[in-house]
């Protein structure tokens, strides 16, 4: 069993090393695109990798939850513009899920010292408070609502006794609504985005209202669910 755990650790480290090795090749460009909030540039950047575009997109999503603070919203929009909203959802959701799994595994294997270095002691203490009060329900709620950073919750969950299957299911279901809404809206107003009119056009404003209302419904439902739950230990 101990030997198996050693191989798991080695495997995870190799994945991380490979990701870090690739990061320098696109980190500067990615940051410039994000700073300018340029959806078109992100779309063209991903497309520049040709058939490797989907893999690069998923990798950027994954790295966002682990290493660099690259807003996933821009990548989600770009995926939808390039591959259509259906495949865009799959790519964006899968990339985030991969990052969530790696975060959980790192925390589970290497423990609190590593997590504190990754997310900061103060941020981790805040996440600890949520898990102490709401237990495993913290995962679903924080995926539905932007209460805590996606990555912080992933790392913190790995320090609890929550099973990976529970964590995986709650993460997958919890992040799905926002991913679906953003992807579909981006696809619906793709022409406006590509023309650079995605801020003032009527279609964009309409879909923005729809998005806000939709996510508010999920937020309201999640809040009601959370308030009905008695405090419980993470398990």
C-alpha atoms as a PDB file:
ATOM      1  CA  UNK A   1       0.000   0.000   0.000  1.00  0.00           C
ATOM      2  CA  UNK A   2       2.850   2.337   0.910  1.00  0.00           C
ATOM      3  CA  UNK A   3       4.561   1.614  -2.402  1.00  0.00           C
ATOM      4  CA  UNK A   4       1.336   2.406  -4.249  1.00  0.00           C
ATOM      5  CA  UNK A   5       1.048   5.753  -2.458  1.00  0.00           C
ATOM      6  CA  UNK A   6       4.612   6.574  -3.468  1.00  0.00           C
ATOM      7  CA  UNK A   7       3.760   5.974  -7.122  1.00  0.00           C
ATOM      8  CA  UNK A   8       0.673   8.178  -6.774  1.00  0.00           C
ATOM      9  CA  UNK A   9       2.808  10.988  -5.355  1.00  0.00           C
ATOM     10  CA  UNK A  10       5.348  10.598  -8.132  1.00  0.00           C
ATOM     11  CA  UNK A  11       2.593  10.621 -10.748  1.00  0.00           C
ATOM     12  CA  UNK A  12       1.037  13.817  -9.417  1.00  0.00           C
ATOM     13  CA  UNK A  13       4.418  15.520  -9.214  1.00  0.00           C
ATOM     14  CA  UNK A  14       5.177  14.575 -12.820  1.00  0.00           C
ATOM     15  CA  UNK A  15       1.862  16.058 -13.949  1.00  0.00           C
ATOM     16  CA  UNK A  16       2.566  19.287 -12.091  1.00  0.00           C
ATOM     17  CA  UNK A  17       6.133  19.496 -13.402  1.00  0.00           C
ATOM     18  CA  UNK A  18       4.857  19.014 -16.953  1.00  0.00           C
ATOM     19  CA  UNK A  19       2.270  21.749 -16.466  1.00  0.00           C
ATOM     20  CA  UNK A  20       4.810  24.166 -15.003  1.00  0.00           C
ATOM     21  CA  UNK A  21       7.185  23.413 -17.873  1.00  0.00           C
ATOM     22  CA  UNK A  22       4.496  24.380 -20.368  1.00  0.00           C
ATOM     23  CA  UNK A  23       3.329  27.485 -18.518  1.00  0.00           C
ATOM     24  CA  UNK A  24       6.210  29.808 -19.554  1.00  0.00           C
ATOM     25  CA  UNK A  25       5.382  29.236 -23.228  1.00  0.00           C
ATOM     26  CA  UNK A  26       2.007  30.903 -22.934  1.00  0.00           C
ATOM     27  CA  UNK A  27       1.844  32.615 -19.522  1.00  0.00           C
ATOM     28  CA  UNK A  28       2.912  36.068 -20.730  1.00  0.00           C
ATOM     29  CA  UNK A  29       0.525  36.036 -23.673  1.00  0.00           C
ATOM     30  CA  UNK A  30      -2.333  34.716 -21.547  1.00  0.00           C
ATOM     31  CA  UNK A  31      -1.858  37.405 -18.902  1.00  0.00           C
ATOM     32  CA  UNK A  32      -1.803  40.157 -21.528  1.00  0.00           C
ATOM     33  CA  UNK A  33      -5.044  38.863 -22.991  1.00  0.00           C
ATOM     34  CA  UNK A  34      -6.709  38.673 -19.594  1.00  0.00           C
ATOM     35  CA  UNK A  35      -5.533  42.125 -18.535  1.00  0.00           C
ATOM     36  CA  UNK A  36      -7.165  43.562 -21.641  1.00  0.00           C
ATOM     37  CA  UNK A  37     -10.259  41.395 -21.074  1.00  0.00           C
ATOM     38  CA  UNK A  38     -10.009  40.496 -24.749  1.00  0.00           C
ATOM     39  CA  UNK A  39     -12.270  37.571 -25.643  1.00  0.00           C
ATOM     40  CA  UNK A  40     -11.343  37.728 -29.317  1.00  0.00           C
ATOM     41  CA  UNK A  41      -7.622  37.574 -28.554  1.00  0.00           C
ATOM     42  CA  UNK A  42      -8.145  34.574 -26.278  1.00  0.00           C
ATOM     43  CA  UNK A  43     -10.153  32.865 -29.016  1.00  0.00           C
ATOM     44  CA  UNK A  44      -7.443  33.492 -31.592  1.00  0.00           C
ATOM     45  CA  UNK A  45      -4.741  32.411 -29.162  1.00  0.00           C
ATOM     46  CA  UNK A  46      -6.360  29.045 -28.474  1.00  0.00           C
ATOM     47  CA  UNK A  47      -7.021  28.559 -32.189  1.00  0.00           C
ATOM     48  CA  UNK A  48      -3.345  29.231 -32.936  1.00  0.00           C
ATOM     49  CA  UNK A  49      -2.536  25.829 -31.438  1.00  0.00           C
ATOM     50  CA  UNK A  50      -4.559  24.093 -34.140  1.00  0.00           C
ATOM     51  CA  UNK A  51      -5.668  20.581 -33.229  1.00  0.00           C
ATOM     52  CA  UNK A  52      -4.035  21.041 -29.833  1.00  0.00           C
ATOM     53  CA  UNK A  53      -6.361  23.944 -29.040  1.00  0.00           C
ATOM     54  CA  UNK A  54      -8.798  21.932 -26.898  1.00  0.00           C
ATOM     55  CA  UNK A  55      -5.934  20.503 -24.843  1.00  0.00           C
ATOM     56  CA  UNK A  56      -4.373  23.947 -24.336  1.00  0.00           C
ATOM     57  CA  UNK A  57      -7.755  25.326 -23.313  1.00  0.00           C
ATOM     58  CA  UNK A  58      -8.271  22.562 -20.754  1.00  0.00           C
ATOM     59  CA  UNK A  59      -4.716  23.005 -19.501  1.00  0.00           C
ATOM     60  CA  UNK A  60      -5.275  26.735 -18.957  1.00  0.00           C
ATOM     61  CA  UNK A  61      -8.458  25.969 -17.044  1.00  0.00           C
ATOM     62  CA  UNK A  62      -6.619  23.432 -14.919  1.00  0.00           C
ATOM     63  CA  UNK A  63      -3.662  25.695 -14.187  1.00  0.00           C
ATOM     64  CA  UNK A  64      -6.021  28.490 -13.170  1.00  0.00           C
ATOM     65  CA  UNK A  65      -7.258  26.439 -10.233  1.00  0.00           C
ATOM     66  CA  UNK A  66      -3.755  25.446  -9.173  1.00  0.00           C
ATOM     67  CA  UNK A  67      -1.067  27.992  -9.988  1.00  0.00           C
ATOM     68  CA  UNK A  68      -1.924  31.233 -11.746  1.00  0.00           C
ATOM     69  CA  UNK A  69      -4.982  33.500 -11.187  1.00  0.00           C
ATOM     70  CA  UNK A  70      -6.255  33.415 -14.741  1.00  0.00           C
ATOM     71  CA  UNK A  71     -10.022  34.145 -14.837  1.00  0.00           C
ATOM     72  CA  UNK A  72     -11.754  31.116 -16.304  1.00  0.00           C
ATOM     73  CA  UNK A  73     -14.678  33.180 -17.597  1.00  0.00           C
ATOM     74  CA  UNK A  74     -12.622  34.427 -20.543  1.00  0.00           C
ATOM     75  CA  UNK A  75     -11.578  30.878 -21.423  1.00  0.00           C
ATOM     76  CA  UNK A  76     -15.171  29.677 -21.121  1.00  0.00           C
ATOM     77  CA  UNK A  77     -16.332  32.343 -23.566  1.00  0.00           C
ATOM     78  CA  UNK A  78     -13.498  31.564 -25.986  1.00  0.00           C
ATOM     79  CA  UNK A  79     -14.296  27.847 -25.905  1.00  0.00           C
ATOM     80  CA  UNK A  80     -17.901  28.553 -26.780  1.00  0.00           C
ATOM     81  CA  UNK A  81     -16.938  30.851 -29.653  1.00  0.00           C
ATOM     82  CA  UNK A  82     -14.528  28.297 -31.114  1.00  0.00           C
ATOM     83  CA  UNK A  83     -16.195  24.967 -30.511  1.00  0.00           C
ATOM     84  CA  UNK A  84     -19.859  25.875 -30.040  1.00  0.00           C
ATOM     85  CA  UNK A  85     -21.667  26.057 -26.731  1.00  0.00           C
ATOM     86  CA  UNK A  86     -22.094  22.275 -26.331  1.00  0.00           C
ATOM     87  CA  UNK A  87     -18.419  21.401 -26.760  1.00  0.00           C
ATOM     88  CA  UNK A  88     -17.489  24.626 -25.024  1.00  0.00           C
ATOM     89  CA  UNK A  89     -19.321  23.451 -21.925  1.00  0.00           C
ATOM     90  CA  UNK A  90     -17.579  20.083 -22.020  1.00  0.00           C
ATOM     91  CA  UNK A  91     -14.104  21.610 -22.404  1.00  0.00           C
ATOM     92  CA  UNK A  92     -14.570  24.280 -19.741  1.00  0.00           C
ATOM     93  CA  UNK A  93     -16.225  21.913 -17.278  1.00  0.00           C
ATOM     94  CA  UNK A  94     -13.636  19.177 -17.833  1.00  0.00           C
ATOM     95  CA  UNK A  95     -10.667  21.510 -17.407  1.00  0.00           C
ATOM     96  CA  UNK A  96     -12.028  22.834 -14.127  1.00  0.00           C
ATOM     97  CA  UNK A  97     -12.779  19.302 -12.928  1.00  0.00           C
ATOM     98  CA  UNK A  98      -9.230  18.172 -13.672  1.00  0.00           C
ATOM     99  CA  UNK A  99      -7.833  21.072 -11.681  1.00  0.00           C
ATOM    100  CA  UNK A 100     -10.233  20.363  -8.826  1.00  0.00           C
ATOM    101  CA  UNK A 101      -9.151  16.714  -8.725  1.00  0.00           C
ATOM    102  CA  UNK A 102      -5.450  17.599  -8.654  1.00  0.00           C
ATOM    103  CA  UNK A 103      -5.970  20.171  -5.907  1.00  0.00           C
ATOM    104  CA  UNK A 104      -7.867  17.662  -3.788  1.00  0.00           C
ATOM    105  CA  UNK A 105      -5.192  15.007  -4.322  1.00  0.00           C
ATOM    106  CA  UNK A 106      -2.339  17.365  -3.478  1.00  0.00           C
ATOM    107  CA  UNK A 107      -4.002  18.406  -0.229  1.00  0.00           C
ATOM    108  CA  UNK A 108      -4.823  14.821   0.678  1.00  0.00           C
ATOM    109  CA  UNK A 109      -1.283  13.561   0.042  1.00  0.00           C
ATOM    110  CA  UNK A 110       0.909  16.456   1.181  1.00  0.00           C
ATOM    111  CA  UNK A 111      -1.303  17.976   3.867  1.00  0.00           C
ATOM    112  CA  UNK A 112      -1.836  21.400   5.351  1.00  0.00           C
ATOM    113  CA  UNK A 113       1.717  22.802   5.073  1.00  0.00           C
ATOM    114  CA  UNK A 114       1.577  22.670   1.268  1.00  0.00           C
ATOM    115  CA  UNK A 115      -1.978  24.002   1.095  1.00  0.00           C
ATOM    116  CA  UNK A 116      -1.116  27.005   3.270  1.00  0.00           C
ATOM    117  CA  UNK A 117       1.713  27.838   0.881  1.00  0.00           C
ATOM    118  CA  UNK A 118      -0.593  27.505  -2.124  1.00  0.00           C
ATOM    119  CA  UNK A 119      -3.575  29.544  -0.899  1.00  0.00           C
ATOM    120  CA  UNK A 120      -2.374  31.437   2.169  1.00  0.00           C
ATOM    121  CA  UNK A 121      -3.079  30.749   5.822  1.00  0.00           C
ATOM    122  CA  UNK A 122      -5.847  33.341   6.181  1.00  0.00           C
ATOM    123  CA  UNK A 123      -7.775  32.143   3.131  1.00  0.00           C
ATOM    124  CA  UNK A 124      -7.503  28.552   4.285  1.00  0.00           C
ATOM    125  CA  UNK A 125      -8.823  29.441   7.738  1.00  0.00           C
ATOM    126  CA  UNK A 126     -11.880  31.042   6.146  1.00  0.00           C
ATOM    127  CA  UNK A 127     -12.509  27.885   4.120  1.00  0.00           C
ATOM    128  CA  UNK A 128     -11.993  25.785   7.246  1.00  0.00           C
ATOM    129  CA  UNK A 129     -14.740  27.780   8.933  1.00  0.00           C
ATOM    130  CA  UNK A 130     -17.205  26.944   6.163  1.00  0.00           C
ATOM    131  CA  UNK A 131     -16.381  23.249   6.262  1.00  0.00           C
ATOM    132  CA  UNK A 132     -16.593  23.171  10.047  1.00  0.00           C
ATOM    133  CA  UNK A 133     -20.030  24.773   9.974  1.00  0.00           C
ATOM    134  CA  UNK A 134     -21.610  23.247   6.878  1.00  0.00           C
ATOM    135  CA  UNK A 135     -19.559  20.109   6.233  1.00  0.00           C
ATOM    136  CA  UNK A 136     -19.708  18.524   2.789  1.00  0.00           C
ATOM    137  CA  UNK A 137     -22.504  20.891   1.705  1.00  0.00           C
ATOM    138  CA  UNK A 138     -19.857  23.623   1.534  1.00  0.00           C
ATOM    139  CA  UNK A 139     -18.636  22.188  -1.759  1.00  0.00           C
ATOM    140  CA  UNK A 140     -21.952  22.387  -3.590  1.00  0.00           C
ATOM    141  CA  UNK A 141     -22.785  25.842  -2.248  1.00  0.00           C
ATOM    142  CA  UNK A 142     -19.427  27.421  -3.040  1.00  0.00           C
ATOM    143  CA  UNK A 143     -19.483  25.967  -6.541  1.00  0.00           C
ATOM    144  CA  UNK A 144     -22.914  27.491  -7.165  1.00  0.00           C
ATOM    145  CA  UNK A 145     -22.061  30.803  -5.523  1.00  0.00           C
ATOM    146  CA  UNK A 146     -18.795  32.776  -5.777  1.00  0.00           C
ATOM    147  CA  UNK A 147     -18.401  32.887  -2.008  1.00  0.00           C
ATOM    148  CA  UNK A 148     -14.917  31.396  -1.986  1.00  0.00           C
ATOM    149  CA  UNK A 149     -12.291  30.826  -4.654  1.00  0.00           C
ATOM    150  CA  UNK A 150     -12.725  27.586  -6.609  1.00  0.00           C
ATOM    151  CA  UNK A 151      -9.144  26.551  -5.889  1.00  0.00           C
ATOM    152  CA  UNK A 152      -9.233  27.339  -2.181  1.00  0.00           C
ATOM    153  CA  UNK A 153     -12.312  25.181  -1.674  1.00  0.00           C
ATOM    154  CA  UNK A 154     -10.677  22.350  -3.610  1.00  0.00           C
ATOM    155  CA  UNK A 155      -7.551  22.404  -1.483  1.00  0.00           C
ATOM    156  CA  UNK A 156      -9.471  22.808   1.773  1.00  0.00           C
ATOM    157  CA  UNK A 157     -11.765  19.892   0.918  1.00  0.00           C
ATOM    158  CA  UNK A 158      -8.724  17.671   0.541  1.00  0.00           C
ATOM    159  CA  UNK A 159      -7.825  18.338   4.167  1.00  0.00           C
ATOM    160  CA  UNK A 160     -11.173  17.029   5.420  1.00  0.00           C
ATOM    161  CA  UNK A 161     -12.538  13.500   5.719  1.00  0.00           C
ATOM    162  CA  UNK A 162     -14.855  14.066   2.775  1.00  0.00           C
ATOM    163  CA  UNK A 163     -14.651  11.225   0.271  1.00  0.00           C
ATOM    164  CA  UNK A 164     -13.363  12.002  -3.201  1.00  0.00           C
ATOM    165  CA  UNK A 165     -16.546  10.608  -4.775  1.00  0.00           C
ATOM    166  CA  UNK A 166     -18.659  13.048  -2.753  1.00  0.00           C
ATOM    167  CA  UNK A 167     -16.331  15.920  -3.536  1.00  0.00           C
ATOM    168  CA  UNK A 168     -16.240  15.047  -7.247  1.00  0.00           C
ATOM    169  CA  UNK A 169     -20.009  14.814  -7.560  1.00  0.00           C
ATOM    170  CA  UNK A 170     -20.671  18.056  -5.671  1.00  0.00           C
ATOM    171  CA  UNK A 171     -18.038  19.926  -7.669  1.00  0.00           C
ATOM    172  CA  UNK A 172     -19.311  18.655 -11.004  1.00  0.00           C
ATOM    173  CA  UNK A 173     -22.948  19.458 -10.300  1.00  0.00           C
ATOM    174  CA  UNK A 174     -22.207  22.716  -8.508  1.00  0.00           C
ATOM    175  CA  UNK A 175     -20.127  24.307 -11.254  1.00  0.00           C
ATOM    176  CA  UNK A 176     -22.354  23.124 -14.113  1.00  0.00           C
ATOM    177  CA  UNK A 177     -25.054  25.870 -13.994  1.00  0.00           C
ATOM    178  CA  UNK A 178     -22.663  28.806 -14.396  1.00  0.00           C
ATOM    179  CA  UNK A 179     -20.635  26.973 -17.051  1.00  0.00           C
ATOM    180  CA  UNK A 180     -23.772  26.211 -19.056  1.00  0.00           C
ATOM    181  CA  UNK A 181     -25.187  29.725 -18.750  1.00  0.00           C
ATOM    182  CA  UNK A 182     -21.931  31.478 -19.686  1.00  0.00           C
ATOM    183  CA  UNK A 183     -21.242  29.128 -22.588  1.00  0.00           C
ATOM    184  CA  UNK A 184     -24.707  29.384 -24.097  1.00  0.00           C
ATOM    185  CA  UNK A 185     -24.879  33.158 -23.772  1.00  0.00           C
ATOM    186  CA  UNK A 186     -21.405  33.585 -25.272  1.00  0.00           C
ATOM    187  CA  UNK A 187     -22.447  31.429 -28.219  1.00  0.00           C
ATOM    188  CA  UNK A 188     -25.733  33.332 -28.619  1.00  0.00           C
ATOM    189  CA  UNK A 189     -24.012  36.702 -28.836  1.00  0.00           C
ATOM    190  CA  UNK A 190     -20.910  35.453 -30.619  1.00  0.00           C
ATOM    191  CA  UNK A 191     -21.258  37.912 -33.506  1.00  0.00           C
ATOM    192  CA  UNK A 192     -21.384  40.883 -31.131  1.00  0.00           C
ATOM    193  CA  UNK A 193     -18.351  39.621 -29.229  1.00  0.00           C
ATOM    194  CA  UNK A 194     -16.323  39.106 -32.399  1.00  0.00           C
ATOM    195  CA  UNK A 195     -17.259  42.575 -33.674  1.00  0.00           C
ATOM    196  CA  UNK A 196     -16.232  44.123 -30.374  1.00  0.00           C
ATOM    197  CA  UNK A 197     -19.775  45.269 -29.582  1.00  0.00           C
ATOM    198  CA  UNK A 198     -20.258  42.905 -26.654  1.00  0.00           C
ATOM    199  CA  UNK A 199     -20.586  45.668 -24.098  1.00  0.00           C
ATOM    200  CA  UNK A 200     -23.325  47.944 -25.412  1.00  0.00           C
ATOM    201  CA  UNK A 201     -25.404  45.856 -27.805  1.00  0.00           C
ATOM    202  CA  UNK A 202     -29.037  45.053 -27.009  1.00  0.00           C
ATOM    203  CA  UNK A 203     -28.589  41.257 -27.376  1.00  0.00           C
ATOM    204  CA  UNK A 204     -25.741  41.318 -24.892  1.00  0.00           C
ATOM    205  CA  UNK A 205     -27.692  43.353 -22.375  1.00  0.00           C
ATOM    206  CA  UNK A 206     -30.664  41.013 -22.770  1.00  0.00           C
ATOM    207  CA  UNK A 207     -28.621  37.878 -22.224  1.00  0.00           C
ATOM    208  CA  UNK A 208     -26.718  39.510 -19.378  1.00  0.00           C
ATOM    209  CA  UNK A 209     -30.016  40.055 -17.571  1.00  0.00           C
ATOM    210  CA  UNK A 210     -31.029  36.448 -18.267  1.00  0.00           C
ATOM    211  CA  UNK A 211     -27.699  35.224 -16.903  1.00  0.00           C
ATOM    212  CA  UNK A 212     -27.986  37.288 -13.742  1.00  0.00           C
ATOM    213  CA  UNK A 213     -31.573  36.188 -13.119  1.00  0.00           C
ATOM    214  CA  UNK A 214     -30.714  32.536 -13.751  1.00  0.00           C
ATOM    215  CA  UNK A 215     -27.761  32.547 -11.392  1.00  0.00           C
ATOM    216  CA  UNK A 216     -29.813  34.466  -8.816  1.00  0.00           C
ATOM    217  CA  UNK A 217     -32.358  31.638  -8.856  1.00  0.00           C
ATOM    218  CA  UNK A 218     -29.602  29.117  -8.227  1.00  0.00           C
ATOM    219  CA  UNK A 219     -28.195  31.379  -5.525  1.00  0.00           C
ATOM    220  CA  UNK A 220     -31.575  31.690  -3.841  1.00  0.00           C
ATOM    221  CA  UNK A 221     -32.121  27.932  -3.948  1.00  0.00           C
ATOM    222  CA  UNK A 222     -28.623  27.277  -2.638  1.00  0.00           C
ATOM    223  CA  UNK A 223     -29.033  29.785   0.157  1.00  0.00           C
ATOM    224  CA  UNK A 224     -32.303  28.186   1.231  1.00  0.00           C
ATOM    225  CA  UNK A 225     -30.687  24.767   1.158  1.00  0.00           C
ATOM    226  CA  UNK A 226     -27.757  26.011   3.212  1.00  0.00           C
ATOM    227  CA  UNK A 227     -29.911  27.727   5.823  1.00  0.00           C
ATOM    228  CA  UNK A 228     -31.979  24.574   6.282  1.00  0.00           C
ATOM    229  CA  UNK A 229     -28.901  22.514   7.067  1.00  0.00           C
ATOM    230  CA  UNK A 230     -27.813  22.066  10.629  1.00  0.00           C
ATOM    231  CA  UNK A 231     -24.141  22.670  11.351  1.00  0.00           C
ATOM    232  CA  UNK A 232     -22.153  19.504  10.844  1.00  0.00           C
ATOM    233  CA  UNK A 233     -18.562  18.370  10.672  1.00  0.00           C
ATOM    234  CA  UNK A 234     -16.973  17.737   7.309  1.00  0.00           C
ATOM    235  CA  UNK A 235     -17.375  14.079   6.475  1.00  0.00           C
END
